[in-house]
Structure formats: C-alpha cells, structure tokens
C-alpha cells in the first residue's frame, strides 16, 4: 500500500510541474509579444523622426 501512496505523490508532483511549465511558456510568449510590440513602436517612432528631419532639411535648403 505504501508504494501507491508514493506513486500518488509522484503523480501529483509531476502534474504540478507540468502545470507550472505551461504557465511559464504562456508568460514567455506574452513577454516575447510585448518586446516585439515595443520594438515595432520604437522603429516606427525612429522612422517618423527620420522623415521629419528629412523634411526639415529639404525646407531649409529651398530658398
């Protein structure tokens, strides 16, 4: 009977570990998506800044 108790505890630990790994993977995916959004926003702002600087240079060059 003792072996069934040990196997039950092992099973519970295994299920708990599997559940935790599932949560970790979800959190990693959310972090990956958030970093991608931040990178895209930074690139968009950088491109917008470059465009506005180019317009400023063109208007400064034209008399």
N, C-alpha and C. Protein backbone atom coordinates (compact mmCIF):
# COMPACT_ATOMS: atom_id res chain seq x y z
N UNK A 1 0.82 -1.19 0.00
CA UNK A 1 0.00 0.00 0.00
C UNK A 1 0.87 1.27 0.00
N UNK A 2 2.03 1.22 0.60
CA UNK A 2 2.91 2.38 0.67
C UNK A 2 3.38 2.83 -0.69
N UNK A 3 3.56 1.87 -1.61
CA UNK A 3 4.02 2.24 -2.95
C UNK A 3 2.97 3.06 -3.68
N UNK A 4 1.69 2.78 -3.43
CA UNK A 4 0.63 3.55 -4.10
C UNK A 4 0.61 4.99 -3.59
N UNK A 5 0.90 5.16 -2.32
CA UNK A 5 0.98 6.50 -1.76
C UNK A 5 2.15 7.25 -2.39
N UNK A 6 3.28 6.60 -2.51
CA UNK A 6 4.44 7.24 -3.13
C UNK A 6 4.19 7.55 -4.60
N UNK A 7 3.56 6.63 -5.30
CA UNK A 7 3.24 6.88 -6.70
C UNK A 7 2.23 8.02 -6.85
N UNK A 8 1.30 8.11 -5.92
CA UNK A 8 0.32 9.21 -5.94
C UNK A 8 1.00 10.55 -5.73
N UNK A 9 1.91 10.61 -4.77
CA UNK A 9 2.65 11.84 -4.51
C UNK A 9 3.50 12.20 -5.73
N UNK A 10 4.18 11.19 -6.31
CA UNK A 10 4.97 11.44 -7.51
C UNK A 10 4.09 11.96 -8.64
N UNK A 11 2.91 11.37 -8.81
CA UNK A 11 1.98 11.82 -9.85
C UNK A 11 1.54 13.26 -9.63
N UNK A 12 1.24 13.61 -8.40
CA UNK A 12 0.84 14.99 -8.10
C UNK A 12 1.97 15.97 -8.38
N UNK A 13 3.18 15.60 -8.02
CA UNK A 13 4.34 16.47 -8.28
C UNK A 13 4.54 16.62 -9.78
N UNK A 14 4.39 15.53 -10.52
CA UNK A 14 4.54 15.57 -11.96
C UNK A 14 3.49 16.47 -12.61
N UNK A 15 2.24 16.34 -12.19
CA UNK A 15 1.17 17.18 -12.73
C UNK A 15 1.41 18.65 -12.38
N UNK A 16 1.84 18.92 -11.16
CA UNK A 16 2.12 20.29 -10.75
C UNK A 16 3.25 20.89 -11.59
N UNK A 17 4.30 20.11 -11.84
CA UNK A 17 5.43 20.60 -12.64
C UNK A 17 4.97 20.87 -14.07
N UNK A 18 4.15 20.00 -14.62
CA UNK A 18 3.64 20.20 -15.98
C UNK A 18 2.80 21.47 -16.05
N UNK A 19 1.97 21.70 -15.03
CA UNK A 19 1.12 22.90 -14.98
C UNK A 19 1.98 24.16 -14.89
N UNK A 20 3.03 24.12 -14.08
CA UNK A 20 3.91 25.27 -13.95
C UNK A 20 4.65 25.56 -15.25
N UNK A 21 5.10 24.53 -15.95
CA UNK A 21 5.79 24.74 -17.23
C UNK A 21 4.84 25.35 -18.26
N UNK A 22 3.57 24.96 -18.20
CA UNK A 22 2.58 25.54 -19.10
C UNK A 22 2.45 27.04 -18.83
N UNK A 23 2.38 27.41 -17.55
CA UNK A 23 2.28 28.83 -17.19
C UNK A 23 3.55 29.59 -17.60
N UNK A 24 4.71 28.97 -17.45
CA UNK A 24 5.96 29.62 -17.82
C UNK A 24 5.98 29.88 -19.33
N UNK A 25 5.55 28.91 -20.11
CA UNK A 25 5.53 29.10 -21.57
C UNK A 25 4.58 30.21 -21.97
N UNK A 26 3.42 30.30 -21.31
CA UNK A 26 2.49 31.38 -21.61
C UNK A 26 3.10 32.73 -21.26
N UNK A 27 3.78 32.82 -20.13
CA UNK A 27 4.41 34.07 -19.72
C UNK A 27 5.54 34.45 -20.69
N UNK A 28 6.30 33.46 -21.15
CA UNK A 28 7.36 33.74 -22.11
C UNK A 28 6.79 34.25 -23.42
N UNK A 29 5.69 33.69 -23.86
CA UNK A 29 5.06 34.14 -25.11
C UNK A 29 4.55 35.58 -24.96
N UNK A 30 3.95 35.89 -23.82
CA UNK A 30 3.48 37.26 -23.59
C UNK A 30 4.64 38.24 -23.58
N UNK A 31 5.75 37.86 -22.94
CA UNK A 31 6.93 38.72 -22.91
C UNK A 31 7.48 38.92 -24.31
N UNK A 32 7.53 37.83 -25.09
CA UNK A 32 8.03 37.92 -26.46
C UNK A 32 7.16 38.85 -27.30
N UNK A 33 5.84 38.75 -27.16
CA UNK A 33 4.94 39.62 -27.91
C UNK A 33 5.07 41.08 -27.47
N UNK A 34 5.22 41.31 -26.16
CA UNK A 34 5.36 42.67 -25.66
C UNK A 34 6.66 43.30 -26.18
N UNK A 35 7.74 42.54 -26.19
CA UNK A 35 9.00 43.07 -26.71
C UNK A 35 8.90 43.36 -28.19
N UNK A 36 8.19 42.52 -28.93
CA UNK A 36 8.02 42.77 -30.36
C UNK A 36 7.20 44.03 -30.59
N UNK A 37 6.15 44.24 -29.79
CA UNK A 37 5.35 45.47 -29.91
C UNK A 37 6.19 46.70 -29.59
N UNK A 38 6.99 46.62 -28.52
CA UNK A 38 7.83 47.76 -28.15
C UNK A 38 8.87 48.05 -29.23
N UNK A 39 9.44 47.00 -29.80
CA UNK A 39 10.43 47.19 -30.85
C UNK A 39 9.79 47.82 -32.08
N UNK A 40 8.58 47.37 -32.44
CA UNK A 40 7.88 47.93 -33.59
C UNK A 40 7.54 49.40 -33.35
N UNK A 41 7.11 49.73 -32.14
CA UNK A 41 6.78 51.11 -31.82
C UNK A 41 8.04 51.98 -31.87
N UNK A 42 9.15 51.46 -31.38
CA UNK A 42 10.41 52.21 -31.41
C UNK A 42 10.87 52.43 -32.85
N UNK A 43 10.76 51.41 -33.67
CA UNK A 43 11.14 51.55 -35.08
C UNK A 43 10.23 52.55 -35.79
N UNK A 44 8.94 52.51 -35.50
CA UNK A 44 8.01 53.46 -36.12
C UNK A 44 8.34 54.89 -35.70
N UNK A 45 8.64 55.08 -34.43
CA UNK A 45 8.99 56.42 -33.96
C UNK A 45 10.30 56.89 -34.59
N UNK A 46 11.24 55.97 -34.72
CA UNK A 46 12.53 56.31 -35.32
C UNK A 46 12.34 56.69 -36.80
N UNK A 47 11.53 55.91 -37.51
CA UNK A 47 11.27 56.22 -38.92
C UNK A 47 10.54 57.55 -39.07
N UNK A 48 9.60 57.82 -38.18
CA UNK A 48 8.86 59.08 -38.23
C UNK A 48 9.81 60.25 -37.96
N UNK A 49 10.72 60.07 -37.02
CA UNK A 49 11.68 61.11 -36.69
C UNK A 49 12.61 61.37 -37.88
N UNK A 50 13.05 60.30 -38.54
CA UNK A 50 13.92 60.47 -39.70
C UNK A 50 13.20 61.19 -40.83
N UNK A 51 11.94 60.87 -41.04
CA UNK A 51 11.16 61.53 -42.09
C UNK A 51 10.99 63.01 -41.80
N UNK A 52 10.71 63.33 -40.54
CA UNK A 52 10.53 64.73 -40.19
C UNK A 52 11.85 65.50 -40.32
N UNK A 53 12.97 64.86 -40.01
CA UNK A 53 14.27 65.50 -40.18
C UNK A 53 14.58 65.73 -41.65
N UNK A 54 14.22 64.77 -42.51
CA UNK A 54 14.44 64.94 -43.94
C UNK A 54 13.60 66.10 -44.48
N UNK A 55 12.37 66.22 -44.03
CA UNK A 55 11.51 67.31 -44.48
C UNK A 55 12.09 68.65 -44.01
N UNK A 56 12.63 68.66 -42.80
CA UNK A 56 13.22 69.89 -42.28
C UNK A 56 14.44 70.30 -43.07
N UNK A 57 15.24 69.33 -43.49
CA UNK A 57 16.43 69.64 -44.28
C UNK A 57 16.04 70.14 -45.66
N UNK A 58 15.03 69.55 -46.26
CA UNK A 58 14.60 69.96 -47.58
C UNK A 58 14.03 71.37 -47.55
N UNK A 59 13.24 71.68 -46.53
CA UNK A 59 12.67 73.01 -46.45
C UNK A 59 13.75 74.05 -46.12
N UNK A 60 14.79 73.67 -45.41
CA UNK A 60 15.87 74.58 -45.08
C UNK A 60 16.74 74.86 -46.32
N UNK A 61 16.83 73.88 -47.22
CA UNK A 61 17.64 74.03 -48.41
C UNK A 61 16.93 74.89 -49.46
N UNK A 62 15.64 74.83 -49.49
CA UNK A 62 14.91 75.60 -50.51
C UNK A 62 14.76 77.05 -50.08
N UNK A 63 15.15 77.99 -50.94
CA UNK A 63 15.06 79.43 -50.57
C UNK A 63 13.66 79.96 -50.70
